[in-house]
N, C-alpha and C. Protein backbone atom coordinates (compact mmCIF):
# COMPACT_ATOMS: atom_id res chain seq x y z
N UNK A 1 -32.57 -5.91 131.60
CA UNK A 1 -33.52 -4.92 131.20
C UNK A 1 -33.20 -4.27 129.91
N UNK A 2 -31.90 -3.87 129.85
CA UNK A 2 -31.36 -3.19 128.66
C UNK A 2 -31.39 -4.15 127.47
N UNK A 3 -31.08 -5.34 127.70
CA UNK A 3 -31.09 -6.37 126.69
C UNK A 3 -32.47 -6.61 126.06
N UNK A 4 -33.47 -6.64 126.95
CA UNK A 4 -34.81 -6.89 126.52
C UNK A 4 -35.33 -5.65 125.66
N UNK A 5 -34.95 -4.45 126.07
CA UNK A 5 -35.33 -3.25 125.40
C UNK A 5 -34.68 -3.28 123.91
N UNK A 6 -33.37 -3.58 123.90
CA UNK A 6 -32.73 -3.67 122.63
C UNK A 6 -33.33 -4.71 121.69
N UNK A 7 -33.60 -5.82 122.25
CA UNK A 7 -34.34 -6.92 121.40
C UNK A 7 -35.69 -6.38 120.90
N UNK A 8 -36.43 -5.71 121.71
CA UNK A 8 -37.75 -5.18 121.37
C UNK A 8 -37.49 -4.13 120.16
N UNK A 9 -36.55 -3.35 120.27
CA UNK A 9 -36.30 -2.33 119.27
C UNK A 9 -35.94 -3.05 117.86
N UNK A 10 -35.06 -4.08 117.97
CA UNK A 10 -34.77 -4.88 116.78
C UNK A 10 -36.00 -5.44 116.17
N UNK A 11 -36.82 -6.10 117.04
CA UNK A 11 -38.13 -6.68 116.57
C UNK A 11 -38.94 -5.71 115.99
N UNK A 12 -39.07 -4.50 116.50
CA UNK A 12 -39.89 -3.43 115.84
C UNK A 12 -39.36 -3.04 114.46
N UNK A 13 -38.04 -2.87 114.40
CA UNK A 13 -37.47 -2.50 113.10
C UNK A 13 -37.74 -3.59 112.08
N UNK A 14 -37.55 -4.84 112.40
CA UNK A 14 -37.87 -5.98 111.54
C UNK A 14 -39.39 -5.95 111.16
N UNK A 15 -40.20 -5.65 112.10
CA UNK A 15 -41.64 -5.52 111.85
C UNK A 15 -41.99 -4.49 110.85
N UNK A 16 -41.29 -3.32 111.02
CA UNK A 16 -41.48 -2.12 110.11
C UNK A 16 -41.10 -2.61 108.66
N UNK A 17 -39.95 -3.34 108.60
CA UNK A 17 -39.47 -3.78 107.26
C UNK A 17 -40.51 -4.69 106.67
N UNK A 18 -40.94 -5.72 107.46
CA UNK A 18 -41.96 -6.62 106.96
C UNK A 18 -43.29 -5.98 106.54
N UNK A 19 -43.74 -5.01 107.32
CA UNK A 19 -45.07 -4.41 107.01
C UNK A 19 -45.02 -3.36 105.95
N UNK A 20 -43.98 -2.56 105.95
CA UNK A 20 -43.97 -1.42 104.97
C UNK A 20 -42.86 -1.49 103.90
N UNK A 21 -41.57 -1.84 104.27
CA UNK A 21 -40.53 -1.67 103.23
C UNK A 21 -40.62 -2.74 102.20
N UNK A 22 -40.67 -4.05 102.59
CA UNK A 22 -40.76 -5.13 101.62
C UNK A 22 -41.94 -5.00 100.63
N UNK A 23 -43.23 -4.82 101.18
CA UNK A 23 -44.26 -4.62 100.23
C UNK A 23 -44.16 -3.39 99.34
N UNK A 24 -43.64 -2.28 99.88
CA UNK A 24 -43.45 -1.09 98.96
C UNK A 24 -42.46 -1.34 97.95
N UNK A 25 -41.44 -2.13 98.15
CA UNK A 25 -40.43 -2.51 97.15
C UNK A 25 -41.09 -3.35 96.11
N UNK A 26 -41.86 -4.37 96.54
CA UNK A 26 -42.58 -5.28 95.53
C UNK A 26 -43.60 -4.45 94.74
N UNK A 27 -44.24 -3.49 95.45
CA UNK A 27 -45.21 -2.66 94.69
C UNK A 27 -44.55 -1.86 93.65
N UNK A 28 -43.43 -1.25 93.96
CA UNK A 28 -42.68 -0.45 93.02
C UNK A 28 -42.21 -1.28 91.80
N UNK A 29 -41.69 -2.45 92.04
CA UNK A 29 -41.19 -3.34 90.92
C UNK A 29 -42.45 -3.69 90.08
N UNK A 30 -43.56 -4.03 90.75
CA UNK A 30 -44.80 -4.38 89.93
C UNK A 30 -45.22 -3.20 89.10
N UNK A 31 -45.20 -1.93 89.59
CA UNK A 31 -45.56 -0.80 88.90
C UNK A 31 -44.62 -0.48 87.71
N UNK A 32 -43.35 -0.78 87.92
CA UNK A 32 -42.37 -0.53 86.81
C UNK A 32 -42.68 -1.43 85.64
N UNK A 33 -43.00 -2.70 85.93
CA UNK A 33 -43.40 -3.68 84.86
C UNK A 33 -44.64 -3.19 84.20
N UNK A 34 -45.59 -2.67 84.88
CA UNK A 34 -46.87 -2.20 84.28
C UNK A 34 -46.54 -1.00 83.39
N UNK A 35 -45.77 -0.12 83.92
CA UNK A 35 -45.49 1.17 83.15
C UNK A 35 -44.64 0.81 81.88
N UNK A 36 -43.74 -0.19 82.00
CA UNK A 36 -42.98 -0.59 80.80
C UNK A 36 -43.91 -1.00 79.64
N UNK A 37 -44.98 -1.66 80.04
CA UNK A 37 -45.89 -2.05 78.99
C UNK A 37 -46.46 -0.93 78.16
N UNK A 38 -46.67 0.26 78.70
CA UNK A 38 -47.16 1.34 78.00
C UNK A 38 -46.15 2.31 77.43
N UNK A 39 -44.81 2.15 77.82
CA UNK A 39 -43.88 3.04 77.39
C UNK A 39 -42.91 2.41 76.32
N UNK A 40 -42.83 1.10 76.22
CA UNK A 40 -42.04 0.45 75.28
C UNK A 40 -42.37 0.75 73.87
N UNK A 41 -41.41 0.94 72.98
CA UNK A 41 -41.76 1.06 71.64
C UNK A 41 -40.98 0.10 70.76
N UNK A 42 -41.48 -0.26 69.63
CA UNK A 42 -40.84 -1.24 68.73
C UNK A 42 -40.58 -0.64 67.33
N UNK A 43 -39.51 -1.01 66.71
CA UNK A 43 -39.29 -0.48 65.45
C UNK A 43 -40.27 -1.11 64.41
N UNK A 44 -40.48 -0.32 63.38
CA UNK A 44 -41.18 -0.78 62.17
C UNK A 44 -40.21 -1.62 61.34
N UNK A 45 -40.76 -2.75 60.68
CA UNK A 45 -39.87 -3.47 59.87
C UNK A 45 -39.12 -2.72 58.82
N UNK A 46 -39.80 -1.65 58.29
CA UNK A 46 -39.14 -0.87 57.22
C UNK A 46 -38.05 0.06 57.84
N UNK A 47 -37.95 0.27 59.04
CA UNK A 47 -36.89 1.08 59.63
C UNK A 47 -35.64 0.32 59.99
N UNK A 48 -35.78 -1.01 59.91
CA UNK A 48 -34.56 -1.80 60.19
C UNK A 48 -33.54 -1.80 59.16
N UNK A 49 -32.26 -1.98 59.52
CA UNK A 49 -31.20 -2.02 58.53
C UNK A 49 -30.69 -3.45 58.41
N UNK A 50 -30.36 -3.84 57.12
CA UNK A 50 -29.93 -5.19 56.79
C UNK A 50 -28.43 -5.27 56.96
N UNK A 51 -28.00 -6.43 57.44
CA UNK A 51 -26.57 -6.69 57.56
C UNK A 51 -26.43 -8.11 56.86
N UNK A 52 -25.41 -8.13 55.95
CA UNK A 52 -25.01 -9.44 55.30
C UNK A 52 -23.56 -9.76 55.70
N UNK A 53 -23.27 -11.06 55.80
CA UNK A 53 -21.86 -11.35 55.98
C UNK A 53 -21.73 -12.87 56.00
N UNK A 54 -20.60 -13.32 56.49
CA UNK A 54 -20.27 -14.77 56.55
C UNK A 54 -19.88 -15.14 57.95
N UNK A 55 -20.45 -16.35 58.35
CA UNK A 55 -20.23 -16.91 59.68
C UNK A 55 -18.76 -17.06 59.98
N UNK A 56 -18.40 -16.53 61.07
CA UNK A 56 -17.00 -16.70 61.64
C UNK A 56 -17.14 -17.67 62.77
N UNK A 57 -17.81 -17.31 63.84
CA UNK A 57 -17.92 -18.12 65.00
C UNK A 57 -19.32 -17.88 65.64
N UNK A 58 -19.70 -18.76 66.49
CA UNK A 58 -20.91 -18.57 67.36
C UNK A 58 -20.60 -19.12 68.67
N UNK A 59 -21.35 -18.51 69.67
CA UNK A 59 -21.17 -18.87 71.09
C UNK A 59 -22.51 -18.71 71.73
N UNK A 60 -22.58 -19.12 73.01
CA UNK A 60 -23.69 -18.96 73.83
C UNK A 60 -23.54 -18.15 75.04
N UNK A 61 -24.47 -17.30 75.30
CA UNK A 61 -24.32 -16.44 76.58
C UNK A 61 -25.53 -16.88 77.48
N UNK A 62 -25.19 -17.24 78.65
CA UNK A 62 -26.13 -17.73 79.54
C UNK A 62 -26.89 -16.39 80.10
N UNK A 63 -28.25 -16.43 79.96
CA UNK A 63 -29.06 -15.25 80.41
C UNK A 63 -29.87 -15.56 81.63
N UNK A 64 -29.86 -16.77 82.10
CA UNK A 64 -30.61 -17.13 83.33
C UNK A 64 -29.99 -18.35 83.97
N UNK A 65 -30.73 -18.91 84.88
CA UNK A 65 -30.23 -20.10 85.62
C UNK A 65 -30.81 -21.28 85.10
N UNK A 66 -31.75 -21.24 84.24
CA UNK A 66 -32.42 -22.46 83.72
C UNK A 66 -31.61 -23.19 82.67
N UNK A 67 -32.00 -24.49 82.37
CA UNK A 67 -31.27 -25.25 81.38
C UNK A 67 -31.28 -24.65 80.01
N UNK A 68 -32.34 -24.02 79.62
CA UNK A 68 -32.47 -23.44 78.26
C UNK A 68 -32.28 -21.95 78.21
N UNK A 69 -31.74 -21.31 79.24
CA UNK A 69 -31.65 -19.86 79.27
C UNK A 69 -30.28 -19.43 78.70
N UNK A 70 -30.19 -19.62 77.31
CA UNK A 70 -29.09 -19.24 76.62
C UNK A 70 -29.51 -18.39 75.38
N UNK A 71 -28.61 -17.46 75.05
CA UNK A 71 -28.84 -16.64 73.81
C UNK A 71 -27.71 -16.95 72.92
N UNK A 72 -27.88 -17.13 71.61
CA UNK A 72 -26.89 -17.41 70.64
C UNK A 72 -26.17 -16.12 70.18
N UNK A 73 -24.93 -16.06 70.27
CA UNK A 73 -24.19 -14.81 69.80
C UNK A 73 -23.34 -15.30 68.54
N UNK A 74 -23.62 -14.57 67.45
CA UNK A 74 -22.96 -14.94 66.21
C UNK A 74 -21.99 -13.87 65.78
N UNK A 75 -20.80 -14.17 65.41
CA UNK A 75 -19.77 -13.27 64.95
C UNK A 75 -19.57 -13.51 63.46
N UNK A 76 -19.65 -12.41 62.63
CA UNK A 76 -19.48 -12.53 61.20
C UNK A 76 -18.02 -12.26 60.89
N UNK A 77 -17.49 -12.85 59.81
CA UNK A 77 -16.09 -12.61 59.34
C UNK A 77 -15.82 -11.14 59.10
N UNK A 78 -16.84 -10.44 58.70
CA UNK A 78 -16.74 -9.02 58.38
C UNK A 78 -16.72 -8.13 59.70
N UNK A 79 -16.86 -8.76 60.85
CA UNK A 79 -16.80 -8.06 62.09
C UNK A 79 -17.97 -7.86 63.00
N UNK A 80 -19.19 -7.66 62.45
CA UNK A 80 -20.28 -7.39 63.35
C UNK A 80 -20.66 -8.68 64.14
N UNK A 81 -21.14 -8.39 65.31
CA UNK A 81 -21.67 -9.49 66.22
C UNK A 81 -23.12 -9.19 66.54
N UNK A 82 -23.90 -10.21 66.63
CA UNK A 82 -25.35 -10.10 67.01
C UNK A 82 -25.83 -11.22 67.83
N UNK A 83 -26.95 -10.98 68.49
CA UNK A 83 -27.45 -12.09 69.29
C UNK A 83 -28.85 -12.43 68.85
N UNK A 84 -29.38 -13.64 68.98
CA UNK A 84 -30.61 -14.04 68.55
C UNK A 84 -31.17 -15.24 69.37
N UNK A 85 -32.47 -15.31 69.48
CA UNK A 85 -33.08 -16.49 70.08
C UNK A 85 -33.59 -17.46 68.97
N UNK A 86 -33.34 -17.10 67.79
CA UNK A 86 -33.84 -17.90 66.66
C UNK A 86 -33.10 -19.28 66.64
N UNK A 87 -31.94 -19.32 67.13
CA UNK A 87 -31.11 -20.57 67.10
C UNK A 87 -30.85 -20.83 68.54
N UNK A 88 -31.11 -22.11 68.96
CA UNK A 88 -30.82 -22.44 70.38
C UNK A 88 -29.66 -23.47 70.40
N UNK A 89 -29.29 -23.90 71.57
CA UNK A 89 -28.20 -24.80 71.73
C UNK A 89 -28.41 -26.08 71.03
N UNK A 90 -29.65 -26.57 70.97
CA UNK A 90 -29.93 -27.90 70.39
C UNK A 90 -29.71 -27.87 68.97
N UNK A 91 -30.13 -26.81 68.23
CA UNK A 91 -30.05 -26.90 66.77
C UNK A 91 -28.91 -26.09 66.17
N UNK A 92 -28.12 -25.43 67.01
CA UNK A 92 -27.05 -24.51 66.53
C UNK A 92 -26.04 -25.30 65.67
N UNK A 93 -25.61 -26.46 66.10
CA UNK A 93 -24.58 -27.17 65.39
C UNK A 93 -25.08 -27.61 64.01
N UNK A 94 -26.37 -27.98 63.88
CA UNK A 94 -26.89 -28.39 62.58
C UNK A 94 -27.04 -27.19 61.65
N UNK A 95 -27.43 -26.06 62.18
CA UNK A 95 -27.71 -24.89 61.40
C UNK A 95 -26.45 -24.08 61.01
N UNK A 96 -25.53 -24.00 62.01
CA UNK A 96 -24.36 -23.23 61.79
C UNK A 96 -23.12 -24.24 61.58
N UNK A 97 -23.22 -25.10 60.70
CA UNK A 97 -22.37 -26.28 60.53
C UNK A 97 -20.98 -25.92 60.23
N UNK A 98 -20.67 -24.82 59.45
CA UNK A 98 -19.29 -24.56 59.04
C UNK A 98 -19.16 -23.03 58.88
N UNK A 99 -17.88 -22.64 58.99
CA UNK A 99 -17.49 -21.30 58.83
C UNK A 99 -17.77 -20.87 57.32
N UNK A 100 -18.02 -19.58 57.17
CA UNK A 100 -18.22 -19.03 55.79
C UNK A 100 -19.60 -19.08 55.29
N UNK A 101 -20.61 -19.66 56.03
CA UNK A 101 -21.99 -19.64 55.59
C UNK A 101 -22.43 -18.15 55.42
N UNK A 102 -23.28 -17.96 54.42
CA UNK A 102 -23.86 -16.53 54.27
C UNK A 102 -24.94 -16.38 55.28
N UNK A 103 -24.86 -15.23 56.04
CA UNK A 103 -25.76 -14.90 57.06
C UNK A 103 -26.41 -13.58 56.73
N UNK A 104 -27.67 -13.38 56.95
CA UNK A 104 -28.39 -12.10 56.82
C UNK A 104 -29.33 -11.85 58.04
N UNK A 105 -29.32 -10.66 58.54
CA UNK A 105 -30.23 -10.40 59.62
C UNK A 105 -30.50 -8.92 59.58
N UNK A 106 -31.38 -8.39 60.37
CA UNK A 106 -31.81 -6.90 60.44
C UNK A 106 -31.59 -6.43 61.87
N UNK A 107 -31.32 -5.16 61.98
CA UNK A 107 -31.20 -4.56 63.39
C UNK A 107 -31.72 -3.23 63.37
N UNK A 108 -32.06 -2.68 64.58
CA UNK A 108 -32.60 -1.39 64.66
C UNK A 108 -31.47 -0.39 64.95
N UNK A 109 -31.19 0.50 63.92
CA UNK A 109 -30.05 1.41 64.08
C UNK A 109 -30.34 2.55 65.11
N UNK A 110 -31.57 2.66 65.56
CA UNK A 110 -31.89 3.66 66.51
C UNK A 110 -32.18 3.08 67.87
N UNK A 111 -31.78 1.89 68.07
CA UNK A 111 -32.00 1.17 69.34
C UNK A 111 -31.18 1.78 70.44
N UNK A 112 -31.84 1.82 71.57
CA UNK A 112 -31.15 2.35 72.85
C UNK A 112 -30.84 1.10 73.78
N UNK A 113 -31.09 -0.06 73.32
CA UNK A 113 -30.75 -1.20 74.16
C UNK A 113 -29.28 -1.34 74.23
N UNK A 114 -28.80 -1.85 75.42
CA UNK A 114 -27.38 -2.04 75.65
C UNK A 114 -27.05 -3.31 74.98
N UNK A 115 -25.91 -3.38 74.21
CA UNK A 115 -25.49 -4.57 73.59
C UNK A 115 -25.22 -5.68 74.53
N UNK A 116 -25.39 -6.93 74.21
CA UNK A 116 -25.09 -8.06 75.03
C UNK A 116 -23.65 -8.49 74.80
N UNK A 117 -23.09 -8.94 75.89
CA UNK A 117 -21.69 -9.49 75.84
C UNK A 117 -20.70 -8.60 75.15
N UNK A 118 -20.75 -7.33 75.45
CA UNK A 118 -19.82 -6.34 74.87
C UNK A 118 -20.45 -5.59 73.80
N UNK A 119 -20.48 -6.18 72.56
CA UNK A 119 -20.87 -5.36 71.45
C UNK A 119 -21.91 -6.11 70.57
N UNK A 120 -22.50 -7.18 71.00
CA UNK A 120 -23.50 -7.89 70.14
C UNK A 120 -24.79 -7.27 70.22
N UNK A 121 -25.39 -6.88 69.10
CA UNK A 121 -26.64 -6.21 69.02
C UNK A 121 -27.71 -7.25 68.70
N UNK A 122 -29.00 -6.77 68.98
CA UNK A 122 -30.17 -7.64 68.87
C UNK A 122 -30.50 -7.73 67.35
N UNK A 123 -30.66 -9.00 66.89
CA UNK A 123 -31.03 -9.23 65.48
C UNK A 123 -32.51 -9.49 65.41
N UNK A 124 -33.14 -8.96 64.33
CA UNK A 124 -34.53 -9.22 64.02
C UNK A 124 -34.50 -10.05 62.66
N UNK A 125 -35.01 -11.23 62.70
CA UNK A 125 -34.98 -12.05 61.53
C UNK A 125 -33.58 -12.72 61.33
N UNK A 126 -33.50 -13.79 60.69
CA UNK A 126 -32.22 -14.45 60.47
C UNK A 126 -32.38 -15.41 59.23
N UNK A 127 -31.46 -15.32 58.38
CA UNK A 127 -31.34 -16.19 57.14
C UNK A 127 -29.97 -16.80 57.14
N UNK A 128 -29.85 -18.08 56.95
CA UNK A 128 -28.57 -18.80 56.77
C UNK A 128 -28.61 -19.36 55.40
N UNK A 129 -27.56 -19.00 54.54
CA UNK A 129 -27.53 -19.55 53.14
C UNK A 129 -28.87 -19.40 52.40
N UNK A 130 -29.53 -18.28 52.67
CA UNK A 130 -30.81 -18.00 52.05
C UNK A 130 -32.00 -18.66 52.61
N UNK A 131 -31.85 -19.58 53.62
CA UNK A 131 -32.93 -20.21 54.27
C UNK A 131 -33.39 -19.41 55.45
N UNK A 132 -34.69 -19.20 55.52
CA UNK A 132 -35.22 -18.35 56.64
C UNK A 132 -35.34 -19.18 57.94
N UNK A 133 -34.61 -18.76 58.89
CA UNK A 133 -34.66 -19.29 60.20
C UNK A 133 -35.74 -18.63 61.04
N UNK A 134 -35.76 -17.30 60.91
CA UNK A 134 -36.82 -16.46 61.61
C UNK A 134 -37.06 -15.28 60.80
N UNK A 135 -38.31 -14.89 60.58
CA UNK A 135 -38.63 -13.67 59.77
C UNK A 135 -38.56 -12.49 60.70
N UNK A 136 -38.49 -11.32 60.11
CA UNK A 136 -38.34 -10.01 60.89
C UNK A 136 -39.63 -9.91 61.74
N UNK A 137 -40.77 -10.27 61.15
CA UNK A 137 -42.07 -10.12 61.86
C UNK A 137 -42.11 -11.02 63.03
N UNK A 138 -41.61 -12.28 62.99
CA UNK A 138 -41.49 -13.26 64.05
C UNK A 138 -40.66 -12.64 65.15
N UNK A 139 -39.53 -12.05 64.77
CA UNK A 139 -38.59 -11.47 65.81
C UNK A 139 -39.27 -10.32 66.59
N UNK A 140 -39.93 -9.49 65.86
CA UNK A 140 -40.68 -8.36 66.49
C UNK A 140 -41.79 -8.85 67.36
N UNK A 141 -42.54 -9.83 66.83
CA UNK A 141 -43.68 -10.42 67.56
C UNK A 141 -43.24 -11.03 68.91
N UNK A 142 -42.08 -11.71 68.95
CA UNK A 142 -41.62 -12.25 70.18
C UNK A 142 -41.33 -11.13 71.28
N UNK A 143 -40.78 -10.02 70.83
CA UNK A 143 -40.53 -8.89 71.75
C UNK A 143 -41.80 -8.31 72.23
N UNK A 144 -42.78 -8.16 71.31
CA UNK A 144 -44.17 -7.60 71.66
C UNK A 144 -44.90 -8.55 72.66
N UNK A 145 -44.78 -9.75 72.46
CA UNK A 145 -45.45 -10.68 73.35
C UNK A 145 -44.89 -10.55 74.73
N UNK A 146 -43.53 -10.50 74.84
CA UNK A 146 -42.77 -10.38 76.12
C UNK A 146 -43.32 -9.12 76.84
N UNK A 147 -43.47 -8.03 75.97
CA UNK A 147 -43.80 -6.73 76.54
C UNK A 147 -45.28 -6.60 76.92
N UNK A 148 -46.17 -7.00 76.03
CA UNK A 148 -47.57 -6.87 76.23
C UNK A 148 -48.33 -8.01 77.00
N UNK A 149 -47.64 -9.15 77.16
CA UNK A 149 -48.27 -10.17 77.92
C UNK A 149 -47.58 -10.50 79.23
N UNK A 150 -46.29 -10.77 79.12
CA UNK A 150 -45.47 -11.25 80.30
C UNK A 150 -45.22 -9.99 81.22
N UNK A 151 -44.90 -8.84 80.74
CA UNK A 151 -44.59 -7.72 81.61
C UNK A 151 -45.80 -7.28 82.45
N UNK A 152 -46.97 -7.10 81.87
CA UNK A 152 -48.07 -6.74 82.74
C UNK A 152 -48.49 -7.86 83.76
N UNK A 153 -48.33 -9.16 83.33
CA UNK A 153 -48.67 -10.22 84.16
C UNK A 153 -47.74 -10.15 85.39
N UNK A 154 -46.44 -10.00 85.16
CA UNK A 154 -45.52 -9.91 86.27
C UNK A 154 -45.80 -8.68 87.06
N UNK A 155 -46.10 -7.55 86.53
CA UNK A 155 -46.53 -6.34 87.26
C UNK A 155 -47.70 -6.47 88.15
N UNK A 156 -48.75 -7.08 87.57
CA UNK A 156 -50.06 -7.24 88.35
C UNK A 156 -49.76 -8.26 89.48
N UNK A 157 -48.93 -9.33 89.20
CA UNK A 157 -48.64 -10.23 90.28
C UNK A 157 -47.87 -9.48 91.40
N UNK A 158 -46.95 -8.69 91.03
CA UNK A 158 -46.19 -7.92 92.08
C UNK A 158 -47.12 -7.03 92.90
N UNK A 159 -47.99 -6.30 92.24
CA UNK A 159 -48.83 -5.34 92.99
C UNK A 159 -49.79 -6.18 93.94
N UNK A 160 -50.40 -7.25 93.47
CA UNK A 160 -51.32 -8.06 94.17
C UNK A 160 -50.53 -8.66 95.38
N UNK A 161 -49.36 -9.25 95.10
CA UNK A 161 -48.55 -9.85 96.19
C UNK A 161 -48.16 -8.87 97.19
N UNK A 162 -47.80 -7.65 96.77
CA UNK A 162 -47.48 -6.60 97.78
C UNK A 162 -48.63 -6.23 98.62
N UNK A 163 -49.87 -6.09 98.08
CA UNK A 163 -50.96 -5.79 98.92
C UNK A 163 -51.37 -6.88 99.84
N UNK A 164 -51.27 -8.12 99.43
CA UNK A 164 -51.56 -9.22 100.34
C UNK A 164 -50.58 -9.41 101.44
N UNK A 165 -49.33 -9.24 101.05
CA UNK A 165 -48.26 -9.24 102.11
C UNK A 165 -48.39 -8.15 103.14
N UNK A 166 -48.69 -6.94 102.65
CA UNK A 166 -48.92 -5.80 103.53
C UNK A 166 -50.05 -6.06 104.54
N UNK A 167 -51.23 -6.54 103.98
CA UNK A 167 -52.37 -6.78 104.85
C UNK A 167 -52.10 -7.89 105.87
N UNK A 168 -51.41 -9.01 105.40
CA UNK A 168 -51.07 -10.06 106.26
C UNK A 168 -50.15 -9.62 107.42
N UNK A 169 -49.08 -8.91 107.01
CA UNK A 169 -48.15 -8.52 108.03
C UNK A 169 -48.64 -7.43 108.89
N UNK A 170 -49.44 -6.61 108.42
CA UNK A 170 -49.98 -5.52 109.25
C UNK A 170 -50.91 -6.11 110.35
N UNK A 171 -51.70 -7.08 110.03
CA UNK A 171 -52.54 -7.73 111.04
C UNK A 171 -51.82 -8.54 112.01
N UNK A 172 -50.64 -9.12 111.50
CA UNK A 172 -49.81 -10.04 112.30
C UNK A 172 -48.99 -9.27 113.29
N UNK A 173 -48.43 -8.20 112.89
CA UNK A 173 -47.39 -7.40 113.68
C UNK A 173 -47.94 -6.24 114.43
N UNK A 174 -48.97 -5.61 113.86
CA UNK A 174 -49.39 -4.35 114.49
C UNK A 174 -50.70 -4.44 115.29
N UNK A 175 -51.15 -5.74 115.37
CA UNK A 175 -52.39 -5.95 116.15
C UNK A 175 -52.24 -5.70 117.61
N UNK A 176 -51.05 -5.93 118.18
CA UNK A 176 -50.79 -5.83 119.56
C UNK A 176 -50.27 -4.49 120.02
N UNK A 177 -49.98 -3.56 119.14
CA UNK A 177 -49.32 -2.32 119.52
C UNK A 177 -50.28 -1.22 119.77
């Protein structure tokens, strides 16, 4: 008798989690992505600071689990490190073929973003030996697309999924109580 009562209490706790806690968590995550869409700000190209230097080394930082989820981190001989998506693993060897190449990029001196891999800052635009790899506008546009397209899409998906999961689990678990 005691064992059956204990099992029923555990089942009820799991039901409460399925009906209320999990959908509320998903709803909160979805709302955060939606709010980010309206609160994110981007620097103006004129407010960015230019950095010039010479290539010392480059490396890749894995940012996800997929095959192409890497960010290129470049270190200049003069010391600064930055990260960019303008160069990927497939073309890095051809573009960054030797040490000492002249490198130019822009960064936001007022950025509140946490540097990647220690002290590597986000670069906007990239020029190697005077050849444009990515313009400043292209770098800013990529961030804006991620914020204004992908972020609300993920947020809306999270909110809709939370509501559907709540409705399904509520009818499934609470129908007999």
